[in-house]
């Protein structure tokens, strides 16, 4: 599943994504830190990886 970065707070390392249908999805520090990224830009496309119902990782679509 993919979405677009709507908000990102570099201090808390959390934010909000918008799915393609407009549904907002919040992500926490753990999901961001699992990506290995240092920051996200507003409007950036990301891939969402779930572990059951929990958002496990936010990643760039081209990253393995």
N, C-alpha and C. Protein backbone atom coordinates (compact mmCIF):
# COMPACT_ATOMS: atom_id res chain seq x y z
N UNK A 1 0.84 -1.16 0.00
CA UNK A 1 0.00 0.00 0.00
C UNK A 1 0.89 1.24 0.00
N UNK A 2 0.48 2.28 -0.71
CA UNK A 2 1.26 3.51 -0.77
C UNK A 2 0.42 4.71 -0.36
N UNK A 3 1.11 5.76 0.03
CA UNK A 3 0.46 7.00 0.41
C UNK A 3 1.39 8.17 0.20
N UNK A 4 0.93 9.34 0.59
CA UNK A 4 1.68 10.59 0.44
C UNK A 4 1.84 11.23 1.81
N UNK A 5 3.03 11.76 2.07
CA UNK A 5 3.29 12.41 3.35
C UNK A 5 2.48 13.70 3.43
N UNK A 6 1.62 13.80 4.45
CA UNK A 6 0.82 15.01 4.67
C UNK A 6 1.45 15.89 5.74
N UNK A 7 1.96 15.25 6.81
CA UNK A 7 2.66 15.99 7.87
C UNK A 7 3.84 15.15 8.34
N UNK A 8 4.88 15.83 8.81
CA UNK A 8 6.02 15.13 9.41
C UNK A 8 6.67 16.08 10.41
N UNK A 9 6.85 15.61 11.64
CA UNK A 9 7.51 16.38 12.69
C UNK A 9 8.86 15.75 12.96
N UNK A 10 9.96 16.40 12.55
CA UNK A 10 11.28 15.81 12.74
C UNK A 10 11.68 15.63 14.21
N UNK A 11 11.08 16.40 15.11
CA UNK A 11 11.40 16.25 16.53
C UNK A 11 10.80 14.98 17.12
N UNK A 12 9.54 14.71 16.80
CA UNK A 12 8.89 13.49 17.32
C UNK A 12 9.05 12.31 16.37
N UNK A 13 9.50 12.59 15.14
CA UNK A 13 9.71 11.58 14.09
C UNK A 13 8.41 10.83 13.80
N UNK A 14 7.31 11.55 13.81
CA UNK A 14 6.00 10.98 13.53
C UNK A 14 5.25 11.91 12.59
N UNK A 15 4.12 11.44 12.07
CA UNK A 15 3.36 12.29 11.16
C UNK A 15 2.11 11.60 10.65
N UNK A 16 1.63 12.12 9.52
CA UNK A 16 0.41 11.63 8.92
C UNK A 16 0.62 11.41 7.43
N UNK A 17 0.03 10.34 6.93
CA UNK A 17 0.07 10.03 5.50
C UNK A 17 -1.35 10.07 4.98
N UNK A 18 -1.50 10.34 3.68
CA UNK A 18 -2.80 10.24 3.04
C UNK A 18 -2.74 9.11 2.02
N UNK A 19 -3.66 8.16 2.17
CA UNK A 19 -3.77 7.10 1.18
C UNK A 19 -4.34 7.68 -0.11
N UNK A 20 -4.29 6.94 -1.19
CA UNK A 20 -4.77 7.42 -2.47
C UNK A 20 -6.25 7.76 -2.46
N UNK A 21 -7.02 7.16 -1.55
CA UNK A 21 -8.45 7.47 -1.47
C UNK A 21 -8.73 8.63 -0.50
N UNK A 22 -7.66 9.26 0.03
CA UNK A 22 -7.81 10.40 0.92
C UNK A 22 -7.87 10.06 2.39
N UNK A 23 -7.82 8.79 2.73
CA UNK A 23 -7.87 8.36 4.13
C UNK A 23 -6.57 8.74 4.84
N UNK A 24 -6.65 9.46 5.97
CA UNK A 24 -5.43 9.77 6.72
C UNK A 24 -4.98 8.58 7.56
N UNK A 25 -3.67 8.39 7.63
CA UNK A 25 -3.07 7.33 8.44
C UNK A 25 -1.93 7.94 9.23
N UNK A 26 -2.00 7.85 10.56
CA UNK A 26 -0.93 8.37 11.41
C UNK A 26 0.17 7.33 11.53
N UNK A 27 1.42 7.80 11.63
CA UNK A 27 2.53 6.88 11.90
C UNK A 27 3.33 7.43 13.07
N UNK A 28 3.90 6.50 13.83
CA UNK A 28 4.65 6.89 15.03
C UNK A 28 6.15 6.77 14.78
N UNK A 29 6.90 7.13 15.80
CA UNK A 29 8.36 7.10 15.73
C UNK A 29 8.89 5.71 15.36
N UNK A 30 8.30 4.66 15.93
CA UNK A 30 8.78 3.30 15.65
C UNK A 30 8.64 2.94 14.18
N UNK A 31 7.53 3.30 13.56
CA UNK A 31 7.31 2.99 12.14
C UNK A 31 8.28 3.79 11.27
N UNK A 32 8.55 5.04 11.66
CA UNK A 32 9.50 5.85 10.90
C UNK A 32 10.92 5.33 11.10
N UNK A 33 11.32 5.06 12.33
CA UNK A 33 12.68 4.59 12.60
C UNK A 33 12.97 3.25 11.93
N UNK A 34 11.96 2.41 11.75
CA UNK A 34 12.15 1.13 11.08
C UNK A 34 12.54 1.31 9.61
N UNK A 35 12.28 2.48 9.05
CA UNK A 35 12.60 2.73 7.64
C UNK A 35 14.08 2.98 7.41
N UNK A 36 14.78 3.48 8.43
CA UNK A 36 16.17 3.85 8.26
C UNK A 36 16.35 5.22 7.62
N UNK A 37 15.26 5.93 7.37
CA UNK A 37 15.32 7.26 6.77
C UNK A 37 15.66 8.31 7.82
N UNK A 38 16.13 9.46 7.36
CA UNK A 38 16.44 10.55 8.29
C UNK A 38 15.34 11.60 8.32
N UNK A 39 14.60 11.75 7.23
CA UNK A 39 13.51 12.71 7.19
C UNK A 39 12.57 12.38 6.04
N UNK A 40 11.41 13.01 6.07
CA UNK A 40 10.43 12.90 4.99
C UNK A 40 10.05 14.29 4.56
N UNK A 41 9.70 14.44 3.28
CA UNK A 41 9.24 15.72 2.74
C UNK A 41 7.73 15.65 2.51
N UNK A 42 7.05 16.75 2.74
CA UNK A 42 5.62 16.81 2.46
C UNK A 42 5.40 16.51 0.98
N UNK A 43 4.42 15.69 0.68
CA UNK A 43 4.12 15.32 -0.69
C UNK A 43 4.91 14.12 -1.20
N UNK A 44 5.86 13.63 -0.42
CA UNK A 44 6.68 12.49 -0.82
C UNK A 44 5.85 11.20 -0.79
N UNK A 45 6.02 10.35 -1.81
CA UNK A 45 5.34 9.05 -1.85
C UNK A 45 6.09 8.07 -0.97
N UNK A 46 5.34 7.29 -0.22
CA UNK A 46 5.92 6.28 0.65
C UNK A 46 5.12 4.99 0.57
N UNK A 47 5.76 3.91 0.96
CA UNK A 47 5.11 2.60 1.03
C UNK A 47 4.83 2.30 2.50
N UNK A 48 3.65 1.79 2.79
CA UNK A 48 3.26 1.44 4.15
C UNK A 48 3.32 -0.07 4.29
N UNK A 49 4.00 -0.54 5.32
CA UNK A 49 4.09 -1.97 5.58
C UNK A 49 3.43 -2.26 6.93
N UNK A 50 2.49 -3.16 6.91
CA UNK A 50 1.72 -3.51 8.10
C UNK A 50 2.12 -4.86 8.65
N UNK A 51 2.00 -5.00 9.97
CA UNK A 51 2.14 -6.26 10.67
C UNK A 51 0.79 -6.49 11.33
N UNK A 52 -0.10 -7.18 10.64
CA UNK A 52 -1.48 -7.28 11.11
C UNK A 52 -2.17 -5.95 10.95
N UNK A 53 -2.66 -5.38 12.03
CA UNK A 53 -3.33 -4.08 11.99
C UNK A 53 -2.39 -2.92 12.31
N UNK A 54 -1.19 -3.22 12.70
CA UNK A 54 -0.23 -2.20 13.14
C UNK A 54 0.68 -1.77 11.99
N UNK A 55 0.80 -0.44 11.80
CA UNK A 55 1.73 0.08 10.80
C UNK A 55 3.14 -0.16 11.31
N UNK A 56 3.88 -0.99 10.61
CA UNK A 56 5.20 -1.43 11.06
C UNK A 56 6.33 -0.57 10.51
N UNK A 57 6.17 -0.09 9.24
CA UNK A 57 7.27 0.61 8.60
C UNK A 57 6.75 1.54 7.53
N UNK A 58 7.37 2.71 7.44
CA UNK A 58 7.11 3.67 6.38
C UNK A 58 8.39 3.71 5.55
N UNK A 59 8.33 3.43 4.26
CA UNK A 59 9.53 3.34 3.45
C UNK A 59 9.33 4.02 2.10
N UNK A 60 10.45 4.31 1.46
CA UNK A 60 10.40 4.82 0.09
C UNK A 60 10.03 3.65 -0.83
N UNK A 61 9.13 3.85 -1.79
CA UNK A 61 8.67 2.73 -2.63
C UNK A 61 9.77 1.93 -3.32
N UNK A 62 10.90 2.56 -3.63
CA UNK A 62 11.97 1.85 -4.34
C UNK A 62 12.94 1.13 -3.41
N UNK A 63 12.77 1.29 -2.08
CA UNK A 63 13.68 0.62 -1.13
C UNK A 63 13.15 -0.78 -0.82
N UNK A 64 14.06 -1.74 -0.69
CA UNK A 64 13.62 -3.11 -0.34
C UNK A 64 13.14 -3.22 1.09
